[in-house]
Amino acid sequence: MSGQGSRPAPLAGVRVVDMTWAWAGPHGTQLLAWLGAEVIKVESHSRLDHSRMRSLMGGTLAGGPDHSPIFNDLNSNKLSITLDLRRDEARALLRRLVAVSDVLAQNMRPGVMERLGLGYDELCRVKPELVMLSQSAVGSTGPERNYAGYAPTFSALAGIADLTGYPDEPPMPLSGSVDLRVGTAGALAVLAALYERRRTGRGRHIDLSSTEVMSAMIGEAFLELSMSGRSPQRAGNRHDVMAPHGCFACAGPDEWVSIAVGGEREWAALVSVIADPAFADARFAGPEERWRNQDALDAIVERWTRARSVDAAVDALQLAGVPATRVHSEESVGLDPHLLARDFFRELEHPVVGKRRVVGTPWRFESADVGIRAPAPLIGQHNDAVLGGILGLSEAEIERLVADGVVH
């Protein structure tokens, strides 16, 4: 299925004012941009998106805010303008932009937008049918509404960090995966509000709690506690039902195979492939027995995997119908023949950092141009295009705004 064609992208014609920063918010608005929305990122040199100043793996960023691999990964397809929102004239320009837009997304602490005169009620005066996404650590109401936070604190407060990690070791807060999930939840809420607006003509203010996005993931833990009175315990790679379930070492250096057996048919297939007489032991007679004896079970499985390469193990298990895959490293996933065959990776020419290989999108829309079409913007790159082309300001007016520090 080709992603290229004559049909417009699903969100073509939708304009989003993006006032998010860090990771989760920009990821959500990038999803909208990938789906065809025109996303205009509002930035300021006086308050840089700190992802613009981040390098990889704790290194020092060289070259300034347009060189950050983190920012460039999270903001493809977007436009960038710079407004100093401490200035009345800058806020007036933002209101004018909202008036000709469909969505505004922001992830400042509750109350900040209102203090700027840019709260939902104020913005609805210029755009009554506005869809506004307000994303914060714990939501805009409740006694902890002013909490600040990042992904590890969201997962800790949500209860999911307590379930993550290995037995008899401390809780393990999650990081990047939290931001991606929160951003996706925000994008989904915006899509629902746009669909509602198409039916009713009315806008919507969405109050998104990043912590609650993560708490919604542990419903089974709540259920177990309420039904049995027992709190689930950290279990590493193991599953609460499946066995075997984990990553097993193979013959090659740092080669691992991931195996998950979810039912009797898959168990029978695993037994037929490994063909170890020990599987006939009563300890492995049924799912409950296997789950209770996972140490012994895993030892048998790993004895088999260690005797062969990861490719040989995966091929044999998959041929028999056992869910098994190699555990890719960040380096090897870029060479995966399946991903290459699906054109998952793209090459983009960035005006400052040059040609870079980037990950693509997971969707394939028949006959529609969906996905990454342009690199992340330079800061303020589209001031003229947005202020002049969309808001109708003259070149002289824009020059005056730049000189006065309003466009900054």
Foldseek 3Di string as FASTA:
>chain_A
DFQAADDAFPQAPAEEEEAEADFQRLQLVVQVLLSHYAYEYEAAPVDHRCLLQDAPPPDGDPDGSQRRPSLQQRFFNYHAFYFDLVDPVLVVVVLLVLLSHAEYEYEDQAPPCVVSLRDPVSSCVSPQQHAYEYEYAAWNDDPCSRDHDAQQVLCVVLVNQQQEDAPPDHGHGDHPVLSNQQSNVRNVVSVVQVVVCVVVVGHDYHIHHSSVSNNVVPPVQVVCCVPPVDGHHHHYQPDPFWPPFAWADAQDVPKIKTFTDDDDLLVVLVCVLLVDPVCVDPCNVDRVSRVVVRVVRNVSVNVSRHHHGQVVVVVSSVVSPTDMDIDDDPVVVVVDPVCVVVVQWDWAQDPPPGIDIHGWDPDRDPNYNGIRDHTGDDHNNCNCCCCCVPVNDDPVVSVVCVVVSRRD
